[in-house]
């Protein structure tokens, strides 16, 4: 990211919540709210108009809900990540959001500091999960780790471990003393081998195969 503020679109169908989030994010010096939407369709339209780095997305909305909107954004604007902020932390909601392509998942118990940190991480290409969501992700895995397969090389496995730790591409490059382009190549190869579409799925794979600590 550059030195400019992270440009955020807030999508929530409850006006009082939406306006509260806009006001709250306005207190963060490195965040700029460039639009707000009352439903998923409006969020997609705002992203189509540009000037967006991250979408802060509610799930239960009319016209086009957050799951459908996330899926559309992931397919049409993959460079604009979606961070879910919702009341719901049930297994079905989490699974649907991650399958749709959400890069992170917070509940509305999160405070300004947590939301700000999650937005920064999401904009930097990392995945962020509410502690309860992380617990549910891990609890839903097999009780015993499954040995990693899928033909991963030692370096690809190492990169996958670092992704699961929440490191960004520049941080991985610095730690392994390789270039960012090389990191991207390793990530692309790893994702192709394990069938992951984004970092959230890669993190889940890492936990399931014992490559990360719960």
N, C-alpha and C. Protein backbone atom coordinates (compact mmCIF):
# COMPACT_ATOMS: atom_id res chain seq x y z
N UNK A 1 0.84 -1.18 0.00
CA UNK A 1 0.00 0.00 0.00
C UNK A 1 0.88 1.25 0.00
N UNK A 2 0.40 2.34 -0.56
CA UNK A 2 1.11 3.61 -0.55
C UNK A 2 0.82 4.32 0.76
N UNK A 3 1.32 5.56 0.85
CA UNK A 3 1.11 6.34 2.07
C UNK A 3 -0.30 6.92 2.16
N UNK A 4 -1.07 6.82 1.07
CA UNK A 4 -2.42 7.37 1.11
C UNK A 4 -3.32 6.51 1.99
N UNK A 5 -4.43 7.08 2.46
CA UNK A 5 -5.35 6.32 3.30
C UNK A 5 -5.95 5.12 2.56
N UNK A 6 -6.36 4.11 3.31
CA UNK A 6 -7.06 2.96 2.75
C UNK A 6 -8.48 3.38 2.42
N UNK A 7 -8.87 3.24 1.16
CA UNK A 7 -10.21 3.69 0.72
C UNK A 7 -11.21 2.55 0.94
N UNK A 8 -12.24 2.85 1.72
CA UNK A 8 -13.17 1.81 2.15
C UNK A 8 -14.60 2.14 1.75
N UNK A 9 -15.31 1.12 1.30
CA UNK A 9 -16.76 1.22 1.10
C UNK A 9 -17.42 0.42 2.21
N UNK A 10 -18.39 1.03 2.88
CA UNK A 10 -19.13 0.39 3.97
C UNK A 10 -20.49 -0.05 3.43
N UNK A 11 -20.80 -1.35 3.58
CA UNK A 11 -22.08 -1.88 3.11
C UNK A 11 -22.85 -2.47 4.29
N UNK A 12 -23.97 -1.86 4.64
CA UNK A 12 -24.82 -2.35 5.73
C UNK A 12 -26.22 -1.78 5.51
N UNK A 13 -27.23 -2.64 5.62
CA UNK A 13 -28.58 -2.16 5.32
C UNK A 13 -29.21 -1.35 6.44
N UNK A 14 -28.67 -1.41 7.65
CA UNK A 14 -29.21 -0.63 8.75
C UNK A 14 -28.56 0.74 8.77
N UNK A 15 -29.35 1.75 8.54
CA UNK A 15 -28.81 3.10 8.38
C UNK A 15 -28.02 3.56 9.60
N UNK A 16 -28.55 3.30 10.79
CA UNK A 16 -27.87 3.76 12.00
C UNK A 16 -26.52 3.06 12.16
N UNK A 17 -26.46 1.78 11.81
CA UNK A 17 -25.20 1.05 11.88
C UNK A 17 -24.23 1.56 10.83
N UNK A 18 -24.75 1.75 9.62
CA UNK A 18 -23.90 2.22 8.52
C UNK A 18 -23.30 3.59 8.84
N UNK A 19 -24.14 4.50 9.31
CA UNK A 19 -23.66 5.83 9.63
C UNK A 19 -22.68 5.80 10.81
N UNK A 20 -22.94 4.89 11.76
CA UNK A 20 -22.02 4.75 12.88
C UNK A 20 -20.65 4.25 12.45
N UNK A 21 -20.65 3.29 11.52
CA UNK A 21 -19.38 2.77 11.01
C UNK A 21 -18.62 3.84 10.23
N UNK A 22 -19.34 4.60 9.43
CA UNK A 22 -18.70 5.68 8.67
C UNK A 22 -18.05 6.68 9.63
N UNK A 23 -18.78 7.04 10.69
CA UNK A 23 -18.25 7.98 11.67
C UNK A 23 -17.05 7.39 12.41
N UNK A 24 -17.17 6.12 12.78
CA UNK A 24 -16.08 5.44 13.50
C UNK A 24 -14.83 5.36 12.66
N UNK A 25 -14.97 4.95 11.41
CA UNK A 25 -13.81 4.83 10.53
C UNK A 25 -13.21 6.19 10.22
N UNK A 26 -14.03 7.23 10.27
CA UNK A 26 -13.54 8.58 10.03
C UNK A 26 -12.56 9.04 11.09
N UNK A 27 -12.53 8.35 12.23
CA UNK A 27 -11.61 8.70 13.30
C UNK A 27 -10.23 8.07 13.10
N UNK A 28 -10.13 7.16 12.14
CA UNK A 28 -8.85 6.51 11.87
C UNK A 28 -8.07 7.34 10.84
N UNK A 29 -6.87 7.75 11.16
CA UNK A 29 -6.12 8.65 10.27
C UNK A 29 -5.73 8.03 8.94
N UNK A 30 -5.64 6.70 8.89
CA UNK A 30 -5.18 6.05 7.66
C UNK A 30 -6.32 5.38 6.90
N UNK A 31 -7.55 5.74 7.21
CA UNK A 31 -8.71 5.16 6.53
C UNK A 31 -9.59 6.27 6.00
N UNK A 32 -10.05 6.13 4.78
CA UNK A 32 -10.97 7.09 4.16
C UNK A 32 -12.19 6.34 3.61
N UNK A 33 -13.37 6.67 4.11
CA UNK A 33 -14.59 6.06 3.60
C UNK A 33 -14.98 6.79 2.33
N UNK A 34 -14.95 6.08 1.21
CA UNK A 34 -15.23 6.71 -0.08
C UNK A 34 -16.65 6.43 -0.57
N UNK A 35 -17.41 5.64 0.21
CA UNK A 35 -18.79 5.36 -0.18
C UNK A 35 -19.46 4.47 0.83
N UNK A 36 -20.79 4.53 0.89
CA UNK A 36 -21.54 3.61 1.75
C UNK A 36 -22.75 3.10 0.98
N UNK A 37 -23.10 1.85 1.26
CA UNK A 37 -24.14 1.17 0.50
C UNK A 37 -25.14 0.52 1.45
N UNK A 38 -26.41 0.54 1.05
CA UNK A 38 -27.47 -0.04 1.86
C UNK A 38 -27.76 -1.49 1.48
N UNK A 39 -27.10 -1.98 0.42
CA UNK A 39 -27.27 -3.38 0.02
C UNK A 39 -26.09 -3.79 -0.85
N UNK A 40 -26.02 -5.07 -1.17
CA UNK A 40 -24.90 -5.58 -1.93
C UNK A 40 -24.80 -5.03 -3.33
N UNK A 41 -25.94 -4.78 -3.94
CA UNK A 41 -25.93 -4.24 -5.31
C UNK A 41 -25.28 -2.86 -5.34
N UNK A 42 -25.61 -2.04 -4.35
CA UNK A 42 -25.01 -0.71 -4.27
C UNK A 42 -23.50 -0.81 -4.03
N UNK A 43 -23.08 -1.78 -3.23
CA UNK A 43 -21.66 -1.97 -2.96
C UNK A 43 -20.91 -2.34 -4.25
N UNK A 44 -21.48 -3.25 -5.02
CA UNK A 44 -20.86 -3.64 -6.29
C UNK A 44 -20.75 -2.44 -7.23
N UNK A 45 -21.80 -1.63 -7.27
CA UNK A 45 -21.79 -0.45 -8.13
C UNK A 45 -20.70 0.53 -7.70
N UNK A 46 -20.54 0.73 -6.40
CA UNK A 46 -19.50 1.64 -5.91
C UNK A 46 -18.11 1.14 -6.26
N UNK A 47 -17.91 -0.16 -6.18
CA UNK A 47 -16.61 -0.73 -6.56
C UNK A 47 -16.38 -0.55 -8.05
N UNK A 48 -17.43 -0.72 -8.83
CA UNK A 48 -17.32 -0.55 -10.28
C UNK A 48 -16.91 0.87 -10.65
N UNK A 49 -17.29 1.82 -9.82
CA UNK A 49 -16.94 3.22 -10.08
C UNK A 49 -15.50 3.54 -9.70
N UNK A 50 -14.83 2.61 -9.01
CA UNK A 50 -13.43 2.79 -8.64
C UNK A 50 -13.26 3.49 -7.31
N UNK A 51 -12.01 3.83 -6.99
CA UNK A 51 -11.68 4.56 -5.77
C UNK A 51 -11.97 3.74 -4.52
N UNK A 52 -11.71 2.42 -4.58
CA UNK A 52 -11.99 1.53 -3.45
C UNK A 52 -10.81 0.56 -3.27
N UNK A 53 -10.38 0.39 -2.02
CA UNK A 53 -9.34 -0.59 -1.71
C UNK A 53 -9.90 -1.81 -0.99
N UNK A 54 -10.90 -1.60 -0.12
CA UNK A 54 -11.50 -2.68 0.66
C UNK A 54 -12.99 -2.41 0.82
N UNK A 55 -13.78 -3.47 0.79
CA UNK A 55 -15.22 -3.36 1.09
C UNK A 55 -15.48 -3.99 2.45
N UNK A 56 -16.09 -3.22 3.34
CA UNK A 56 -16.50 -3.72 4.66
C UNK A 56 -17.96 -4.14 4.52
N UNK A 57 -18.19 -5.45 4.51
CA UNK A 57 -19.46 -6.00 4.03
C UNK A 57 -20.29 -6.67 5.13
N UNK A 58 -21.55 -6.24 5.28
CA UNK A 58 -22.51 -6.97 6.11
C UNK A 58 -23.02 -8.15 5.29
N UNK A 59 -23.63 -9.13 5.95
CA UNK A 59 -24.11 -10.31 5.23
C UNK A 59 -25.60 -10.25 4.90
N UNK A 60 -26.43 -9.96 5.88
CA UNK A 60 -27.88 -9.98 5.69
C UNK A 60 -28.36 -8.62 5.19
N UNK A 61 -28.57 -8.53 3.88
CA UNK A 61 -29.02 -7.27 3.27
C UNK A 61 -30.03 -7.57 2.17
N UNK A 62 -30.93 -6.62 1.88
CA UNK A 62 -31.91 -6.82 0.81
C UNK A 62 -31.28 -6.63 -0.57
N UNK A 63 -32.08 -6.91 -1.59
CA UNK A 63 -31.71 -6.74 -3.01
C UNK A 63 -30.62 -7.74 -3.41
N UNK A 64 -29.44 -7.57 -2.83
CA UNK A 64 -28.32 -8.49 -3.07
C UNK A 64 -27.61 -8.62 -1.72
N UNK A 65 -27.61 -9.83 -1.16
CA UNK A 65 -27.04 -9.96 0.18
C UNK A 65 -25.51 -9.97 0.12
N UNK A 66 -24.89 -9.97 1.30
CA UNK A 66 -23.44 -9.86 1.36
C UNK A 66 -22.71 -11.03 0.75
N UNK A 67 -23.27 -12.23 0.85
CA UNK A 67 -22.64 -13.41 0.25
C UNK A 67 -22.61 -13.27 -1.27
N UNK A 68 -23.76 -12.95 -1.84
CA UNK A 68 -23.84 -12.81 -3.30
C UNK A 68 -22.97 -11.66 -3.79
N UNK A 69 -22.98 -10.56 -3.04
CA UNK A 69 -22.16 -9.41 -3.44
C UNK A 69 -20.68 -9.75 -3.37
N UNK A 70 -20.29 -10.48 -2.34
CA UNK A 70 -18.88 -10.88 -2.21
C UNK A 70 -18.47 -11.78 -3.37
N UNK A 71 -19.32 -12.71 -3.74
CA UNK A 71 -19.02 -13.60 -4.86
C UNK A 71 -18.85 -12.81 -6.16
N UNK A 72 -19.73 -11.84 -6.38
CA UNK A 72 -19.63 -11.02 -7.59
C UNK A 72 -18.34 -10.20 -7.59
N UNK A 73 -18.03 -9.59 -6.45
CA UNK A 73 -16.81 -8.77 -6.37
C UNK A 73 -15.57 -9.63 -6.56
N UNK A 74 -15.57 -10.81 -5.98
CA UNK A 74 -14.42 -11.71 -6.12
C UNK A 74 -14.21 -12.10 -7.58
N UNK A 75 -15.31 -12.32 -8.28
CA UNK A 75 -15.22 -12.73 -9.68
C UNK A 75 -14.88 -11.56 -10.60
N UNK A 76 -15.50 -10.40 -10.34
CA UNK A 76 -15.37 -9.27 -11.26
C UNK A 76 -14.27 -8.27 -10.86
N UNK A 77 -14.01 -8.15 -9.57
CA UNK A 77 -13.01 -7.19 -9.09
C UNK A 77 -12.12 -7.86 -8.02
N UNK A 78 -11.36 -8.87 -8.41
CA UNK A 78 -10.57 -9.64 -7.43
C UNK A 78 -9.52 -8.80 -6.72
N UNK A 79 -9.19 -7.64 -7.29
CA UNK A 79 -8.18 -6.78 -6.66
C UNK A 79 -8.75 -6.00 -5.48
N UNK A 80 -10.08 -6.03 -5.30
CA UNK A 80 -10.73 -5.32 -4.18
C UNK A 80 -11.22 -6.36 -3.18
N UNK A 81 -10.50 -6.58 -2.08
CA UNK A 81 -10.88 -7.61 -1.12
C UNK A 81 -12.09 -7.22 -0.29
N UNK A 82 -12.78 -8.23 0.21
CA UNK A 82 -13.97 -8.02 1.04
C UNK A 82 -13.67 -8.48 2.46
N UNK A 83 -13.95 -7.59 3.42
CA UNK A 83 -13.86 -7.92 4.84
C UNK A 83 -15.27 -7.94 5.39
N UNK A 84 -15.71 -9.09 5.86
CA UNK A 84 -17.07 -9.22 6.39
C UNK A 84 -17.14 -8.67 7.81
N UNK A 85 -18.18 -7.87 8.08
CA UNK A 85 -18.46 -7.39 9.43
C UNK A 85 -19.95 -7.63 9.67
N UNK A 86 -20.26 -8.59 10.51
CA UNK A 86 -21.64 -9.02 10.66
C UNK A 86 -21.96 -9.41 12.09
N UNK A 87 -23.24 -9.54 12.37
CA UNK A 87 -23.68 -10.00 13.69
C UNK A 87 -23.52 -11.50 13.83
N UNK A 88 -23.49 -12.21 12.70
CA UNK A 88 -23.57 -13.66 12.70
C UNK A 88 -22.21 -14.33 12.65
N UNK A 89 -22.01 -15.32 13.54
CA UNK A 89 -20.76 -16.08 13.56
C UNK A 89 -21.05 -17.57 13.57
N UNK A 90 -22.16 -17.97 12.96
CA UNK A 90 -22.49 -19.39 12.88
C UNK A 90 -21.69 -20.04 11.75
N UNK A 91 -21.55 -21.35 11.83
CA UNK A 91 -20.72 -22.08 10.87
C UNK A 91 -21.17 -21.86 9.43
N UNK A 92 -22.48 -21.86 9.21
CA UNK A 92 -22.99 -21.73 7.84
C UNK A 92 -22.63 -20.37 7.25
N UNK A 93 -22.81 -19.30 8.03
CA UNK A 93 -22.50 -17.96 7.53
C UNK A 93 -21.02 -17.82 7.23
N UNK A 94 -20.18 -18.32 8.13
CA UNK A 94 -18.73 -18.24 7.93
C UNK A 94 -18.33 -19.01 6.67
N UNK A 95 -18.84 -20.23 6.54
CA UNK A 95 -18.48 -21.07 5.38
C UNK A 95 -18.91 -20.42 4.08
N UNK A 96 -20.14 -19.88 4.04
CA UNK A 96 -20.63 -19.26 2.81
C UNK A 96 -19.80 -18.03 2.46
N UNK A 97 -19.43 -17.23 3.46
CA UNK A 97 -18.65 -16.03 3.20
C UNK A 97 -17.28 -16.37 2.65
N UNK A 98 -16.63 -17.37 3.23
CA UNK A 98 -15.30 -17.76 2.76
C UNK A 98 -15.35 -18.39 1.38
N UNK A 99 -16.38 -19.20 1.14
CA UNK A 99 -16.53 -19.78 -0.21
C UNK A 99 -16.78 -18.69 -1.24
N UNK A 100 -17.46 -17.64 -0.84
CA UNK A 100 -17.73 -16.54 -1.78
C UNK A 100 -16.48 -15.71 -2.05
N UNK A 101 -15.48 -15.84 -1.19
CA UNK A 101 -14.21 -15.14 -1.43
C UNK A 101 -13.83 -14.10 -0.41
N UNK A 102 -14.56 -13.99 0.70
CA UNK A 102 -14.21 -13.01 1.72
C UNK A 102 -12.80 -13.26 2.23
N UNK A 103 -12.03 -12.20 2.43
CA UNK A 103 -10.66 -12.33 2.89
C UNK A 103 -10.57 -12.32 4.41
N UNK A 104 -11.60 -11.82 5.08
CA UNK A 104 -11.59 -11.76 6.53
C UNK A 104 -13.00 -11.75 7.05
N UNK A 105 -13.14 -11.99 8.35
CA UNK A 105 -14.48 -12.12 8.93
C UNK A 105 -14.45 -11.62 10.37
N UNK A 106 -15.18 -10.55 10.64
CA UNK A 106 -15.31 -9.99 11.98
C UNK A 106 -16.77 -9.97 12.39
N UNK A 107 -17.02 -10.01 13.70
CA UNK A 107 -18.38 -9.80 14.18
C UNK A 107 -18.49 -8.35 14.65
N UNK A 108 -19.72 -7.91 14.85
CA UNK A 108 -19.95 -6.51 15.22
C UNK A 108 -19.62 -6.23 16.68
N UNK A 109 -19.06 -7.20 17.37
CA UNK A 109 -18.50 -6.95 18.70
C UNK A 109 -17.15 -6.26 18.58
N UNK A 110 -16.57 -6.27 17.39
CA UNK A 110 -15.24 -5.67 17.18
C UNK A 110 -15.29 -4.17 17.41
N UNK A 111 -14.24 -3.63 17.97
CA UNK A 111 -14.13 -2.20 18.21
C UNK A 111 -13.37 -1.51 17.09
N UNK A 112 -13.21 -0.20 17.25
CA UNK A 112 -12.54 0.60 16.22
C UNK A 112 -11.12 0.10 15.95
N UNK A 113 -10.38 -0.20 17.01
CA UNK A 113 -8.99 -0.65 16.84
C UNK A 113 -8.93 -1.96 16.07
N UNK A 114 -9.81 -2.89 16.41
CA UNK A 114 -9.84 -4.19 15.73
C UNK A 114 -10.23 -4.04 14.27
N UNK A 115 -11.25 -3.22 14.01
CA UNK A 115 -11.69 -3.03 12.63
C UNK A 115 -10.59 -2.36 11.81
N UNK A 116 -9.96 -1.35 12.40
CA UNK A 116 -8.87 -0.67 11.70
C UNK A 116 -7.74 -1.61 11.36
N UNK A 117 -7.34 -2.44 12.33
CA UNK A 117 -6.26 -3.40 12.09
C UNK A 117 -6.65 -4.40 11.02
N UNK A 118 -7.92 -4.85 11.03
CA UNK A 118 -8.38 -5.81 10.03
C UNK A 118 -8.40 -5.19 8.64
N UNK A 119 -8.81 -3.93 8.54
CA UNK A 119 -8.81 -3.25 7.24
C UNK A 119 -7.39 -3.12 6.70
N UNK A 120 -6.45 -2.79 7.56
CA UNK A 120 -5.05 -2.67 7.13
C UNK A 120 -4.52 -4.02 6.66
N UNK A 121 -4.82 -5.07 7.42
CA UNK A 121 -4.36 -6.40 7.04
C UNK A 121 -4.98 -6.85 5.73
N UNK A 122 -6.27 -6.61 5.58
CA UNK A 122 -6.97 -7.00 4.35
C UNK A 122 -6.41 -6.27 3.15
N UNK A 123 -6.18 -4.97 3.30
CA UNK A 123 -5.63 -4.18 2.20
C UNK A 123 -4.23 -4.66 1.82
N UNK A 124 -3.51 -5.23 2.79
CA UNK A 124 -2.15 -5.72 2.55
C UNK A 124 -2.13 -7.16 2.05
N UNK A 125 -3.32 -7.75 1.84
CA UNK A 125 -3.39 -9.09 1.30
C UNK A 125 -3.40 -10.19 2.33
N UNK A 126 -3.60 -9.83 3.60
CA UNK A 126 -3.64 -10.83 4.66
C UNK A 126 -5.09 -11.18 5.00
N UNK A 127 -5.25 -12.26 5.73
CA UNK A 127 -6.56 -12.69 6.18
C UNK A 127 -6.70 -12.40 7.67
N UNK A 128 -7.88 -11.91 8.06
CA UNK A 128 -8.13 -11.58 9.46
C UNK A 128 -9.45 -12.19 9.90
N UNK A 129 -9.41 -12.86 11.05
CA UNK A 129 -10.62 -13.49 11.57
C UNK A 129 -10.85 -13.11 13.02
N UNK A 130 -12.10 -12.85 13.35
CA UNK A 130 -12.50 -12.65 14.73
C UNK A 130 -12.10 -13.89 15.53
N UNK A 131 -11.69 -13.73 16.80
CA UNK A 131 -11.29 -14.90 17.61
C UNK A 131 -12.34 -16.00 17.62
N UNK A 132 -13.61 -15.64 17.72
CA UNK A 132 -14.66 -16.67 17.73
C UNK A 132 -14.72 -17.39 16.39
N UNK A 133 -14.52 -16.62 15.31
CA UNK A 133 -14.54 -17.22 13.98
C UNK A 133 -13.35 -18.16 13.81
N UNK A 134 -12.18 -17.74 14.28
CA UNK A 134 -10.99 -18.60 14.21
C UNK A 134 -11.23 -19.90 14.97
N UNK A 135 -11.86 -19.78 16.13
CA UNK A 135 -12.16 -20.96 16.93
C UNK A 135 -13.08 -21.91 16.17
N UNK A 136 -14.08 -21.36 15.52
CA UNK A 136 -15.03 -22.20 14.77
C UNK A 136 -14.34 -22.84 13.57
N UNK A 137 -13.45 -22.09 12.91
CA UNK A 137 -12.73 -22.65 11.77
C UNK A 137 -11.89 -23.85 12.20
N UNK A 138 -11.17 -23.67 13.31
CA UNK A 138 -10.32 -24.75 13.80
C UNK A 138 -11.16 -25.90 14.33
N UNK A 139 -12.24 -25.59 15.04
CA UNK A 139 -13.09 -26.64 15.61
C UNK A 139 -13.73 -27.49 14.54
N UNK A 140 -13.92 -26.90 13.35
CA UNK A 140 -14.56 -27.64 12.27
C UNK A 140 -13.62 -28.52 11.48
N UNK A 141 -12.35 -28.52 11.86
CA UNK A 141 -11.37 -29.33 11.14
C UNK A 141 -11.33 -30.75 11.68
N UNK A 142 -10.65 -31.62 10.97
CA UNK A 142 -10.49 -32.98 11.44
C UNK A 142 -9.74 -32.99 12.77
N UNK A 143 -10.06 -33.88 13.70
CA UNK A 143 -9.41 -33.88 15.00
C UNK A 143 -7.91 -34.12 14.93
N UNK A 144 -7.44 -34.86 13.97
CA UNK A 144 -6.01 -35.10 13.81
C UNK A 144 -5.54 -34.50 12.49
N UNK A 145 -4.38 -33.81 12.50
CA UNK A 145 -3.88 -33.22 11.26
C UNK A 145 -3.68 -34.27 10.18
N UNK A 146 -3.99 -33.89 8.96
CA UNK A 146 -3.79 -34.77 7.82
C UNK A 146 -2.47 -34.37 7.16
N UNK A 147 -1.56 -35.29 6.93
CA UNK A 147 -0.28 -34.92 6.34
C UNK A 147 -0.47 -34.16 5.02
N UNK A 148 0.32 -33.11 4.87
CA UNK A 148 0.23 -32.31 3.65
C UNK A 148 0.62 -33.15 2.44
N UNK A 149 -0.15 -33.02 1.39
CA UNK A 149 0.14 -33.74 0.17
C UNK A 149 0.16 -32.76 -0.99
N UNK A 150 -0.50 -33.14 -2.06
CA UNK A 150 -0.70 -32.25 -3.21
C UNK A 150 0.60 -31.80 -3.87
N UNK A 151 1.70 -32.49 -3.58
CA UNK A 151 2.94 -32.19 -4.28
C UNK A 151 3.61 -30.89 -3.91
N UNK A 152 3.36 -30.37 -2.72
CA UNK A 152 3.99 -29.12 -2.30
C UNK A 152 5.48 -29.33 -2.08
N UNK A 153 6.28 -28.40 -2.58
CA UNK A 153 7.72 -28.43 -2.32
C UNK A 153 7.97 -27.91 -0.91
N UNK A 154 9.20 -28.09 -0.44
CA UNK A 154 9.56 -27.61 0.90
C UNK A 154 9.38 -26.10 0.99
N UNK A 155 9.77 -25.37 -0.04
CA UNK A 155 9.64 -23.92 -0.02
C UNK A 155 8.17 -23.50 -0.06
N UNK A 156 7.37 -24.20 -0.87
CA UNK A 156 5.94 -23.88 -0.92
C UNK A 156 5.26 -24.13 0.42
N UNK A 157 5.67 -25.21 1.08
CA UNK A 157 5.13 -25.50 2.41
C UNK A 157 5.53 -24.42 3.40
N UNK A 158 6.76 -23.94 3.29
CA UNK A 158 7.24 -22.88 4.16
C UNK A 158 6.45 -21.59 3.94
N UNK A 159 6.22 -21.26 2.70
CA UNK A 159 5.44 -20.06 2.37
C UNK A 159 4.02 -20.20 2.91
N UNK A 160 3.45 -21.39 2.78
CA UNK A 160 2.09 -21.63 3.27
C UNK A 160 2.03 -21.45 4.79
N UNK A 161 3.04 -21.91 5.51
CA UNK A 161 3.09 -21.71 6.96
C UNK A 161 3.07 -20.22 7.30
N UNK A 162 3.83 -19.43 6.56
CA UNK A 162 3.93 -18.00 6.83
C UNK A 162 2.63 -17.29 6.49
N UNK A 163 1.95 -17.73 5.44
CA UNK A 163 0.63 -17.17 5.12
C UNK A 163 -0.32 -17.43 6.28
N UNK A 164 -0.27 -18.64 6.83
CA UNK A 164 -1.15 -19.00 7.95
C UNK A 164 -0.85 -18.17 9.19
N UNK A 165 0.38 -17.65 9.29
CA UNK A 165 0.75 -16.80 10.41
C UNK A 165 0.32 -15.35 10.19
N UNK A 166 -0.25 -15.07 9.00
CA UNK A 166 -0.75 -13.73 8.71
C UNK A 166 0.24 -12.80 8.06
N UNK A 167 1.37 -13.33 7.59
CA UNK A 167 2.37 -12.46 6.98
C UNK A 167 1.96 -12.04 5.57
N UNK A 168 2.31 -10.83 5.22
CA UNK A 168 2.04 -10.32 3.88
C UNK A 168 3.15 -10.78 2.92
N UNK A 169 2.95 -10.58 1.63
CA UNK A 169 3.97 -10.97 0.66
C UNK A 169 5.31 -10.28 0.91
N UNK A 170 5.35 -8.96 1.16
CA UNK A 170 6.64 -8.31 1.44
C UNK A 170 7.31 -8.87 2.69
N UNK A 171 6.52 -9.20 3.71
CA UNK A 171 7.09 -9.75 4.94
C UNK A 171 7.67 -11.14 4.69
N UNK A 172 6.97 -11.95 3.89
CA UNK A 172 7.48 -13.28 3.55
C UNK A 172 8.78 -13.16 2.76
N UNK A 173 8.79 -12.24 1.81
CA UNK A 173 9.99 -12.04 0.99
C UNK A 173 11.19 -11.66 1.86
N UNK A 174 10.97 -10.74 2.79
CA UNK A 174 12.06 -10.29 3.65
C UNK A 174 12.55 -11.41 4.56
N UNK A 175 11.63 -12.21 5.08
CA UNK A 175 11.99 -13.29 6.00
C UNK A 175 12.77 -14.40 5.29
N UNK A 176 12.39 -14.69 4.04
CA UNK A 176 13.03 -15.78 3.30
C UNK A 176 14.17 -15.31 2.39
N UNK A 177 14.39 -13.98 2.38
CA UNK A 177 15.45 -13.40 1.56
C UNK A 177 15.26 -13.72 0.08
N UNK A 178 14.03 -13.57 -0.38
CA UNK A 178 13.71 -13.74 -1.80
C UNK A 178 12.89 -12.55 -2.25
N UNK A 179 12.72 -12.40 -3.55
CA UNK A 179 11.98 -11.28 -4.08
C UNK A 179 10.47 -11.49 -3.96
N UNK A 180 9.73 -10.38 -3.99
CA UNK A 180 8.27 -10.48 -3.90
C UNK A 180 7.69 -11.23 -5.10
N UNK A 181 8.31 -11.07 -6.25
CA UNK A 181 7.83 -11.79 -7.44
C UNK A 181 7.97 -13.29 -7.23
N UNK A 182 9.06 -13.70 -6.59
CA UNK A 182 9.25 -15.12 -6.30
C UNK A 182 8.21 -15.62 -5.31
N UNK A 183 7.90 -14.79 -4.31
CA UNK A 183 6.87 -15.14 -3.33
C UNK A 183 5.54 -15.35 -4.05
N UNK A 184 5.19 -14.43 -4.94
CA UNK A 184 3.93 -14.55 -5.67
C UNK A 184 3.89 -15.83 -6.50
N UNK A 185 5.04 -16.19 -7.09
CA UNK A 185 5.11 -17.43 -7.87
C UNK A 185 4.86 -18.64 -6.98
N UNK A 186 5.50 -18.66 -5.82
CA UNK A 186 5.30 -19.76 -4.88
C UNK A 186 3.84 -19.83 -4.43
N UNK A 187 3.25 -18.68 -4.15
CA UNK A 187 1.85 -18.65 -3.71
C UNK A 187 0.92 -19.14 -4.81
N UNK A 188 1.13 -18.68 -6.02
CA UNK A 188 0.29 -19.12 -7.14
C UNK A 188 0.39 -20.64 -7.34
N UNK A 189 1.63 -21.16 -7.27
CA UNK A 189 1.82 -22.60 -7.43
C UNK A 189 1.16 -23.37 -6.28
N UNK A 190 1.31 -22.85 -5.06
CA UNK A 190 0.73 -23.51 -3.88
C UNK A 190 -0.79 -23.52 -3.96
N UNK A 191 -1.37 -22.36 -4.29
CA UNK A 191 -2.84 -22.28 -4.38
C UNK A 191 -3.37 -23.23 -5.44
N UNK A 192 -2.65 -23.33 -6.55
CA UNK A 192 -3.10 -24.23 -7.62
C UNK A 192 -3.05 -25.68 -7.16
N UNK A 193 -2.03 -26.04 -6.42
CA UNK A 193 -1.88 -27.43 -5.96
C UNK A 193 -2.91 -27.81 -4.90
N UNK A 194 -3.21 -26.88 -3.98
CA UNK A 194 -4.13 -27.22 -2.88
C UNK A 194 -5.57 -26.82 -3.19
N UNK A 195 -5.79 -26.18 -4.34
CA UNK A 195 -7.14 -25.81 -4.73
C UNK A 195 -7.69 -24.62 -3.97
N UNK A 196 -6.81 -23.74 -3.50
CA UNK A 196 -7.24 -22.54 -2.76
C UNK A 196 -7.43 -21.38 -3.72
N UNK A 197 -8.52 -20.65 -3.53
CA UNK A 197 -8.79 -19.49 -4.36
C UNK A 197 -8.27 -18.20 -3.74
N UNK A 198 -8.02 -18.22 -2.44
CA UNK A 198 -7.56 -17.02 -1.74
C UNK A 198 -6.91 -17.42 -0.43
N UNK A 199 -6.39 -16.44 0.29
CA UNK A 199 -5.61 -16.70 1.49
C UNK A 199 -6.42 -17.39 2.59
N UNK A 200 -7.69 -17.04 2.71
CA UNK A 200 -8.51 -17.65 3.76
C UNK A 200 -8.58 -19.17 3.59
N UNK A 201 -8.75 -19.63 2.35
CA UNK A 201 -8.80 -21.06 2.09
C UNK A 201 -7.42 -21.69 2.33
N UNK A 202 -6.37 -20.95 2.00
CA UNK A 202 -5.02 -21.47 2.24
C UNK A 202 -4.75 -21.61 3.73
N UNK A 203 -5.23 -20.65 4.52
CA UNK A 203 -5.06 -20.71 5.98
C UNK A 203 -5.78 -21.94 6.53
N UNK A 204 -7.00 -22.16 6.06
CA UNK A 204 -7.75 -23.33 6.53
C UNK A 204 -7.01 -24.62 6.16
N UNK A 205 -6.48 -24.69 4.97
CA UNK A 205 -5.71 -25.87 4.54
C UNK A 205 -4.52 -26.07 5.48
N UNK A 206 -3.82 -24.97 5.80
CA UNK A 206 -2.64 -25.08 6.66
C UNK A 206 -3.00 -25.62 8.03
N UNK A 207 -4.11 -25.16 8.60
CA UNK A 207 -4.56 -25.68 9.90
C UNK A 207 -4.92 -27.15 9.79
N UNK A 208 -5.65 -27.49 8.75
CA UNK A 208 -6.13 -28.88 8.60
C UNK A 208 -4.97 -29.85 8.45
N UNK A 209 -3.88 -29.41 7.85
CA UNK A 209 -2.77 -30.30 7.59
C UNK A 209 -1.62 -30.10 8.59
N UNK A 210 -1.92 -29.47 9.72
CA UNK A 210 -0.93 -29.36 10.77
C UNK A 210 0.22 -28.44 10.46
N UNK A 211 0.02 -27.48 9.55
CA UNK A 211 1.08 -26.55 9.18
C UNK A 211 1.02 -25.24 9.94
N UNK A 212 0.03 -25.12 10.83
CA UNK A 212 -0.11 -23.90 11.63
C UNK A 212 -0.66 -24.30 12.99
N UNK A 213 -0.36 -23.47 13.99
CA UNK A 213 -0.83 -23.75 15.33
C UNK A 213 -2.15 -23.07 15.58
N UNK A 214 -3.10 -23.79 16.16
CA UNK A 214 -4.41 -23.23 16.47
C UNK A 214 -4.31 -22.28 17.65
